[in-house]
Structures are given as C-alpha cells and as structure tokens.
Amino acid sequence: MPTIVNLDVMMAKRKMSLNELSERVDITLSNLSILKTGKAKAIRFSTLEAICKALVCQPGDILEYVNEDRIKTINLH
C-alpha cells in the first residue's frame, strides 16, 4: 500500500492514548483502530481535520505517500 498511516507515531509524540483520541474526535475505538493500523480504505476530510486538531498536527504528519517502485527496490536489497 503506497499510503502509510503514521497515526500511532503522532499519538506517541503527543502522549495520547487511543481512548483519549477517540473521545476528542468523537470516533469509535474500532474505527480509529482500523485507521491506526492502516487497514482503512478511506478517511473523511472532517475526520482527518478533527484528528489533526486534537493532535495539533498537519495531515502530512499522519499520512505519507511512498512510491511502490521505491518499496520494491528496497525489498530487493
């Protein structure tokens, strides 16, 4: 998957638990966990905005695009 979710990294930097973020963003623990593990297929802009507001960060701090060709090259070495 070329889009990597770094939500766990930002949560650790802010010392915020999944439960606390869930309450602040008003999203279920289940849905937040799916997003955190990178298993989500999509995210609403309103949800992304709420997460960024709660974590005081930018969308690029949470979502990262990695070129698939680069991943294949790294895995070959």
PDB file of N, CA and C in Angstrom:
ATOM      1  N   MET A   1       0.844  -1.174   0.000  1.00  0.00           N
ATOM      2  CA  MET A   1       0.000   0.000   0.000  1.00  0.00           C
ATOM      3  C   MET A   1       0.894   1.243   0.000  1.00  0.00           C
ATOM      4  N   PRO A   2       0.748   2.112  -0.974  1.00  0.00           N
ATOM      5  CA  PRO A   2       1.630   3.270  -1.062  1.00  0.00           C
ATOM      6  C   PRO A   2       1.332   4.381  -0.054  1.00  0.00           C
ATOM      7  N   THR A   3       0.179   4.378   0.594  1.00  0.00           N
ATOM      8  CA  THR A   3      -0.119   5.385   1.605  1.00  0.00           C
ATOM      9  C   THR A   3       0.044   4.760   2.981  1.00  0.00           C
ATOM     10  N   ILE A   4       0.946   5.340   3.766  1.00  0.00           N
ATOM     11  CA  ILE A   4       1.239   4.824   5.096  1.00  0.00           C
ATOM     12  C   ILE A   4       0.588   5.743   6.119  1.00  0.00           C
ATOM     13  N   VAL A   5      -0.059   5.153   7.112  1.00  0.00           N
ATOM     14  CA  VAL A   5      -0.707   5.915   8.178  1.00  0.00           C
ATOM     15  C   VAL A   5       0.230   5.933   9.377  1.00  0.00           C
ATOM     16  N   ASN A   6       0.654   7.131   9.765  1.00  0.00           N
ATOM     17  CA  ASN A   6       1.561   7.300  10.895  1.00  0.00           C
ATOM     18  C   ASN A   6       0.835   7.837  12.129  1.00  0.00           C
ATOM     19  N   LEU A   7      -0.425   7.453  12.284  1.00  0.00           N
ATOM     20  CA  LEU A   7      -1.226   7.938  13.399  1.00  0.00           C
ATOM     21  C   LEU A   7      -0.618   7.530  14.735  1.00  0.00           C
ATOM     22  N   ASP A   8      -0.133   6.306  14.818  1.00  0.00           N
ATOM     23  CA  ASP A   8       0.460   5.832  16.072  1.00  0.00           C
ATOM     24  C   ASP A   8       1.691   6.652  16.455  1.00  0.00           C
ATOM     25  N   VAL A   9       2.456   7.086  15.461  1.00  0.00           N
ATOM     26  CA  VAL A   9       3.650   7.908  15.718  1.00  0.00           C
ATOM     27  C   VAL A   9       3.236   9.248  16.314  1.00  0.00           C
ATOM     28  N   MET A  10       2.237   9.890  15.706  1.00  0.00           N
ATOM     29  CA  MET A  10       1.785  11.190  16.211  1.00  0.00           C
ATOM     30  C   MET A  10       1.145  11.060  17.588  1.00  0.00           C
ATOM     31  N   MET A  11       0.419   9.980  17.816  1.00  0.00           N
ATOM     32  CA  MET A  11      -0.177   9.768  19.130  1.00  0.00           C
ATOM     33  C   MET A  11       0.918   9.604  20.183  1.00  0.00           C
ATOM     34  N   ALA A  12       1.973   8.889  19.860  1.00  0.00           N
ATOM     35  CA  ALA A  12       3.078   8.695  20.792  1.00  0.00           C
ATOM     36  C   ALA A  12       3.782  10.029  21.066  1.00  0.00           C
ATOM     37  N   LYS A  13       3.998  10.818  20.017  1.00  0.00           N
ATOM     38  CA  LYS A  13       4.640  12.127  20.197  1.00  0.00           C
ATOM     39  C   LYS A  13       3.825  13.033  21.107  1.00  0.00           C
ATOM     40  N   ARG A  14       2.512  12.933  21.029  1.00  0.00           N
ATOM     41  CA  ARG A  14       1.623  13.767  21.844  1.00  0.00           C
ATOM     42  C   ARG A  14       1.231  13.088  23.152  1.00  0.00           C
ATOM     43  N   LYS A  15       1.757  11.873  23.352  1.00  0.00           N
ATOM     44  CA  LYS A  15       1.444  11.083  24.563  1.00  0.00           C
ATOM     45  C   LYS A  15      -0.073  10.962  24.767  1.00  0.00           C
ATOM     46  N   MET A  16      -0.747  10.606  23.673  1.00  0.00           N
ATOM     47  CA  MET A  16      -2.198  10.486  23.702  1.00  0.00           C
ATOM     48  C   MET A  16      -2.599   9.045  23.419  1.00  0.00           C
ATOM     49  N   SER A  17      -3.476   8.519  24.220  1.00  0.00           N
ATOM     50  CA  SER A  17      -3.945   7.145  24.045  1.00  0.00           C
ATOM     51  C   SER A  17      -5.034   7.085  22.979  1.00  0.00           C
ATOM     52  N   LEU A  18      -5.285   5.882  22.519  1.00  0.00           N
ATOM     53  CA  LEU A  18      -6.353   5.652  21.548  1.00  0.00           C
ATOM     54  C   LEU A  18      -7.697   6.061  22.150  1.00  0.00           C
ATOM     55  N   ASN A  19      -7.904   5.740  23.417  1.00  0.00           N
ATOM     56  CA  ASN A  19      -9.160   6.106  24.085  1.00  0.00           C
ATOM     57  C   ASN A  19      -9.345   7.617  24.137  1.00  0.00           C
ATOM     58  N   GLU A  20      -8.284   8.342  24.496  1.00  0.00           N
ATOM     59  CA  GLU A  20      -8.388   9.795  24.594  1.00  0.00           C
ATOM     60  C   GLU A  20      -8.655  10.427  23.229  1.00  0.00           C
ATOM     61  N   LEU A  21      -7.934   9.964  22.216  1.00  0.00           N
ATOM     62  CA  LEU A  21      -8.152  10.499  20.868  1.00  0.00           C
ATOM     63  C   LEU A  21      -9.561  10.185  20.390  1.00  0.00           C
ATOM     64  N   SER A  22     -10.028   8.990  20.673  1.00  0.00           N
ATOM     65  CA  SER A  22     -11.376   8.585  20.289  1.00  0.00           C
ATOM     66  C   SER A  22     -12.418   9.532  20.886  1.00  0.00           C
ATOM     67  N   GLU A  23     -12.248   9.877  22.149  1.00  0.00           N
ATOM     68  CA  GLU A  23     -13.188  10.785  22.812  1.00  0.00           C
ATOM     69  C   GLU A  23     -13.099  12.199  22.236  1.00  0.00           C
ATOM     70  N   ARG A  24     -11.887  12.677  21.989  1.00  0.00           N
ATOM     71  CA  ARG A  24     -11.707  14.040  21.477  1.00  0.00           C
ATOM     72  C   ARG A  24     -12.245  14.200  20.059  1.00  0.00           C
ATOM     73  N   VAL A  25     -12.111  13.155  19.257  1.00  0.00           N
ATOM     74  CA  VAL A  25     -12.504  13.226  17.846  1.00  0.00           C
ATOM     75  C   VAL A  25     -13.938  12.751  17.639  1.00  0.00           C
ATOM     76  N   ASP A  26     -14.484  12.088  18.654  1.00  0.00           N
ATOM     77  CA  ASP A  26     -15.833  11.517  18.581  1.00  0.00           C
ATOM     78  C   ASP A  26     -15.924  10.483  17.455  1.00  0.00           C
ATOM     79  N   ILE A  27     -15.002   9.532  17.515  1.00  0.00           N
ATOM     80  CA  ILE A  27     -14.977   8.408  16.571  1.00  0.00           C
ATOM     81  C   ILE A  27     -14.845   7.140  17.404  1.00  0.00           C
ATOM     82  N   THR A  28     -15.450   6.066  16.959  1.00  0.00           N
ATOM     83  CA  THR A  28     -15.407   4.837  17.754  1.00  0.00           C
ATOM     84  C   THR A  28     -13.980   4.304  17.835  1.00  0.00           C
ATOM     85  N   LEU A  29     -13.692   3.597  18.917  1.00  0.00           N
ATOM     86  CA  LEU A  29     -12.383   2.969  19.074  1.00  0.00           C
ATOM     87  C   LEU A  29     -12.099   2.016  17.924  1.00  0.00           C
ATOM     88  N   SER A  30     -13.117   1.309  17.505  1.00  0.00           N
ATOM     89  CA  SER A  30     -12.972   0.349  16.415  1.00  0.00           C
ATOM     90  C   SER A  30     -12.535   1.043  15.124  1.00  0.00           C
ATOM     91  N   ASN A  31     -13.226   2.116  14.754  1.00  0.00           N
ATOM     92  CA  ASN A  31     -12.884   2.832  13.521  1.00  0.00           C
ATOM     93  C   ASN A  31     -11.516   3.504  13.622  1.00  0.00           C
ATOM     94  N   LEU A  32     -11.189   4.031  14.787  1.00  0.00           N
ATOM     95  CA  LEU A  32      -9.886   4.666  14.983  1.00  0.00           C
ATOM     96  C   LEU A  32      -8.773   3.626  14.908  1.00  0.00           C
ATOM     97  N   SER A  33      -9.023   2.453  15.449  1.00  0.00           N
ATOM     98  CA  SER A  33      -8.053   1.361  15.395  1.00  0.00           C
ATOM     99  C   SER A  33      -7.814   0.904  13.958  1.00  0.00           C
ATOM    100  N   ILE A  34      -8.877   0.812  13.175  1.00  0.00           N
ATOM    101  CA  ILE A  34      -8.762   0.443  11.759  1.00  0.00           C
ATOM    102  C   ILE A  34      -7.910   1.471  11.021  1.00  0.00           C
ATOM    103  N   LEU A  35      -8.111   2.734  11.329  1.00  0.00           N
ATOM    104  CA  LEU A  35      -7.317   3.791  10.707  1.00  0.00           C
ATOM    105  C   LEU A  35      -5.858   3.701  11.165  1.00  0.00           C
ATOM    106  N   LYS A  36      -5.662   3.511  12.446  1.00  0.00           N
ATOM    107  CA  LYS A  36      -4.314   3.470  13.019  1.00  0.00           C
ATOM    108  C   LYS A  36      -3.473   2.331  12.449  1.00  0.00           C
ATOM    109  N   THR A  37      -4.096   1.196  12.197  1.00  0.00           N
ATOM    110  CA  THR A  37      -3.366   0.038  11.689  1.00  0.00           C
ATOM    111  C   THR A  37      -3.184   0.066  10.170  1.00  0.00           C
ATOM    112  N   GLY A  38      -3.733   1.099   9.529  1.00  0.00           N
ATOM    113  CA  GLY A  38      -3.577   1.229   8.086  1.00  0.00           C
ATOM    114  C   GLY A  38      -4.525   0.357   7.288  1.00  0.00           C
ATOM    115  N   LYS A  39      -5.544  -0.176   7.930  1.00  0.00           N
ATOM    116  CA  LYS A  39      -6.497  -1.058   7.244  1.00  0.00           C
ATOM    117  C   LYS A  39      -7.682  -0.299   6.642  1.00  0.00           C
ATOM    118  N   ALA A  40      -7.780   0.994   6.928  1.00  0.00           N
ATOM    119  CA  ALA A  40      -8.880   1.804   6.395  1.00  0.00           C
ATOM    120  C   ALA A  40      -8.680   2.031   4.902  1.00  0.00           C
ATOM    121  N   LYS A  41      -9.748   2.035   4.163  1.00  0.00           N
ATOM    122  CA  LYS A  41      -9.707   2.279   2.720  1.00  0.00           C
ATOM    123  C   LYS A  41      -9.888   3.751   2.397  1.00  0.00           C
ATOM    124  N   ALA A  42     -10.443   4.514   3.340  1.00  0.00           N
ATOM    125  CA  ALA A  42     -10.700   5.932   3.113  1.00  0.00           C
ATOM    126  C   ALA A  42     -10.823   6.635   4.457  1.00  0.00           C
ATOM    127  N   ILE A  43     -10.725   7.957   4.409  1.00  0.00           N
ATOM    128  CA  ILE A  43     -10.956   8.780   5.599  1.00  0.00           C
ATOM    129  C   ILE A  43     -11.663  10.052   5.146  1.00  0.00           C
ATOM    130  N   ARG A  44     -12.654  10.449   5.883  1.00  0.00           N
ATOM    131  CA  ARG A  44     -13.359  11.689   5.571  1.00  0.00           C
ATOM    132  C   ARG A  44     -12.467  12.868   5.944  1.00  0.00           C
ATOM    133  N   PHE A  45     -12.557  13.930   5.153  1.00  0.00           N
ATOM    134  CA  PHE A  45     -11.780  15.125   5.468  1.00  0.00           C
ATOM    135  C   PHE A  45     -12.152  15.669   6.843  1.00  0.00           C
ATOM    136  N   SER A  46     -13.414  15.582   7.211  1.00  0.00           N
ATOM    137  CA  SER A  46     -13.838  16.089   8.521  1.00  0.00           C
ATOM    138  C   SER A  46     -13.190  15.285   9.648  1.00  0.00           C
ATOM    139  N   THR A  47     -13.029  13.980   9.447  1.00  0.00           N
ATOM    140  CA  THR A  47     -12.366  13.138  10.449  1.00  0.00           C
ATOM    141  C   THR A  47     -10.879  13.470  10.510  1.00  0.00           C
ATOM    142  N   LEU A  48     -10.255  13.615   9.360  1.00  0.00           N
ATOM    143  CA  LEU A  48      -8.841  13.978   9.312  1.00  0.00           C
ATOM    144  C   LEU A  48      -8.612  15.328   9.981  1.00  0.00           C
ATOM    145  N   GLU A  49      -9.498  16.269   9.717  1.00  0.00           N
ATOM    146  CA  GLU A  49      -9.398  17.597  10.323  1.00  0.00           C
ATOM    147  C   GLU A  49      -9.513  17.507  11.847  1.00  0.00           C
ATOM    148  N   ALA A  50     -10.453  16.721  12.324  1.00  0.00           N
ATOM    149  CA  ALA A  50     -10.646  16.568  13.773  1.00  0.00           C
ATOM    150  C   ALA A  50      -9.436  15.905  14.433  1.00  0.00           C
ATOM    151  N   ILE A  51      -8.853  14.912  13.761  1.00  0.00           N
ATOM    152  CA  ILE A  51      -7.662  14.240  14.294  1.00  0.00           C
ATOM    153  C   ILE A  51      -6.493  15.225  14.337  1.00  0.00           C
ATOM    154  N   CYS A  52      -6.315  15.989  13.278  1.00  0.00           N
ATOM    155  CA  CYS A  52      -5.230  16.976  13.229  1.00  0.00           C
ATOM    156  C   CYS A  52      -5.413  18.039  14.313  1.00  0.00           C
ATOM    157  N   LYS A  53      -6.637  18.443  14.534  1.00  0.00           N
ATOM    158  CA  LYS A  53      -6.919  19.443  15.572  1.00  0.00           C
ATOM    159  C   LYS A  53      -6.580  18.869  16.946  1.00  0.00           C
ATOM    160  N   ALA A  54      -6.988  17.636  17.204  1.00  0.00           N
ATOM    161  CA  ALA A  54      -6.746  17.008  18.501  1.00  0.00           C
ATOM    162  C   ALA A  54      -5.257  16.754  18.749  1.00  0.00           C
ATOM    163  N   LEU A  55      -4.524  16.406  17.692  1.00  0.00           N
ATOM    164  CA  LEU A  55      -3.103  16.098  17.828  1.00  0.00           C
ATOM    165  C   LEU A  55      -2.199  17.299  17.529  1.00  0.00           C
ATOM    166  N   VAL A  56      -2.808  18.426  17.167  1.00  0.00           N
ATOM    167  CA  VAL A  56      -2.069  19.643  16.803  1.00  0.00           C
ATOM    168  C   VAL A  56      -0.991  19.298  15.777  1.00  0.00           C
ATOM    169  N   CYS A  57      -1.450  18.834  14.615  1.00  0.00           N
ATOM    170  CA  CYS A  57      -0.525  18.432  13.560  1.00  0.00           C
ATOM    171  C   CYS A  57      -1.131  18.715  12.195  1.00  0.00           C
ATOM    172  N   GLN A  58      -0.406  18.395  11.160  1.00  0.00           N
ATOM    173  CA  GLN A  58      -0.847  18.558   9.786  1.00  0.00           C
ATOM    174  C   GLN A  58      -1.206  17.182   9.201  1.00  0.00           C
ATOM    175  N   PRO A  59      -2.061  17.131   8.170  1.00  0.00           N
ATOM    176  CA  PRO A  59      -2.394  15.840   7.551  1.00  0.00           C
ATOM    177  C   PRO A  59      -1.155  15.051   7.110  1.00  0.00           C
ATOM    178  N   GLY A  60      -0.125  15.755   6.647  1.00  0.00           N
ATOM    179  CA  GLY A  60       1.106  15.095   6.220  1.00  0.00           C
ATOM    180  C   GLY A  60       1.877  14.444   7.357  1.00  0.00           C
ATOM    181  N   ASP A  61       1.560  14.834   8.599  1.00  0.00           N
ATOM    182  CA  ASP A  61       2.182  14.183   9.755  1.00  0.00           C
ATOM    183  C   ASP A  61       1.554  12.811  10.004  1.00  0.00           C
ATOM    184  N   ILE A  62       0.347  12.629   9.504  1.00  0.00           N
ATOM    185  CA  ILE A  62      -0.394  11.382   9.725  1.00  0.00           C
ATOM    186  C   ILE A  62      -0.352  10.470   8.505  1.00  0.00           C
ATOM    187  N   LEU A  63      -0.462  11.049   7.319  1.00  0.00           N
ATOM    188  CA  LEU A  63      -0.495  10.274   6.080  1.00  0.00           C
ATOM    189  C   LEU A  63       0.778  10.512   5.283  1.00  0.00           C
ATOM    190  N   GLU A  64       1.357   9.443   4.775  1.00  0.00           N
ATOM    191  CA  GLU A  64       2.594   9.528   3.998  1.00  0.00           C
ATOM    192  C   GLU A  64       2.452   8.688   2.728  1.00  0.00           C
ATOM    193  N   TYR A  65       2.795   9.278   1.605  1.00  0.00           N
ATOM    194  CA  TYR A  65       2.770   8.551   0.341  1.00  0.00           C
ATOM    195  C   TYR A  65       4.171   8.004   0.065  1.00  0.00           C
ATOM    196  N   VAL A  66       4.239   6.718  -0.257  1.00  0.00           N
ATOM    197  CA  VAL A  66       5.505   6.089  -0.619  1.00  0.00           C
ATOM    198  C   VAL A  66       5.323   5.443  -1.983  1.00  0.00           C
ATOM    199  N   ASN A  67       6.194   5.788  -2.900  1.00  0.00           N
ATOM    200  CA  ASN A  67       6.150   5.241  -4.250  1.00  0.00           C
ATOM    201  C   ASN A  67       6.344   3.723  -4.197  1.00  0.00           C
ATOM    202  N   GLU A  68       5.446   2.953  -4.809  1.00  0.00           N
ATOM    203  CA  GLU A  68       5.533   1.489  -4.788  1.00  0.00           C
ATOM    204  C   GLU A  68       6.820   0.977  -5.421  1.00  0.00           C
ATOM    205  N   ASP A  69       7.317   1.650  -6.444  1.00  0.00           N
ATOM    206  CA  ASP A  69       8.571   1.236  -7.074  1.00  0.00           C
ATOM    207  C   ASP A  69       9.717   1.320  -6.071  1.00  0.00           C
ATOM    208  N   ARG A  70       9.696   2.348  -5.231  1.00  0.00           N
ATOM    209  CA  ARG A  70      10.730   2.501  -4.212  1.00  0.00           C
ATOM    210  C   ARG A  70      10.664   1.361  -3.198  1.00  0.00           C
ATOM    211  N   ILE A  71       9.445   0.967  -2.818  1.00  0.00           N
ATOM    212  CA  ILE A  71       9.270  -0.132  -1.868  1.00  0.00           C
ATOM    213  C   ILE A  71       9.823  -1.425  -2.472  1.00  0.00           C
ATOM    214  N   LYS A  72       9.516  -1.687  -3.736  1.00  0.00           N
ATOM    215  CA  LYS A  72      10.012  -2.888  -4.395  1.00  0.00           C
ATOM    216  C   LYS A  72      11.532  -2.887  -4.453  1.00  0.00           C
ATOM    217  N   THR A  73      12.121  -1.729  -4.743  1.00  0.00           N
ATOM    218  CA  THR A  73      13.580  -1.622  -4.818  1.00  0.00           C
ATOM    219  C   THR A  73      14.199  -1.886  -3.457  1.00  0.00           C
ATOM    220  N   ILE A  74      13.620  -1.341  -2.408  1.00  0.00           N
ATOM    221  CA  ILE A  74      14.135  -1.547  -1.040  1.00  0.00           C
ATOM    222  C   ILE A  74      14.029  -3.013  -0.660  1.00  0.00           C
ATOM    223  N   ASN A  75      12.932  -3.669  -1.012  1.00  0.00           N
ATOM    224  CA  ASN A  75      12.736  -5.084  -0.661  1.00  0.00           C
ATOM    225  C   ASN A  75      13.678  -6.013  -1.410  1.00  0.00           C
ATOM    226  N   LEU A  76      14.202  -5.573  -2.558  1.00  0.00           N
ATOM    227  CA  LEU A  76      15.125  -6.419  -3.334  1.00  0.00           C
ATOM    228  C   LEU A  76      16.519  -6.446  -2.711  1.00  0.00           C
ATOM    229  N   HIS A  77      16.862  -5.455  -1.914  1.00  0.00           N
ATOM    230  CA  HIS A  77      18.205  -5.368  -1.335  1.00  0.00           C
ATOM    231  C   HIS A  77      18.329  -6.094  -0.047  1.00  0.00           C
TER     232      HIS A  77
END
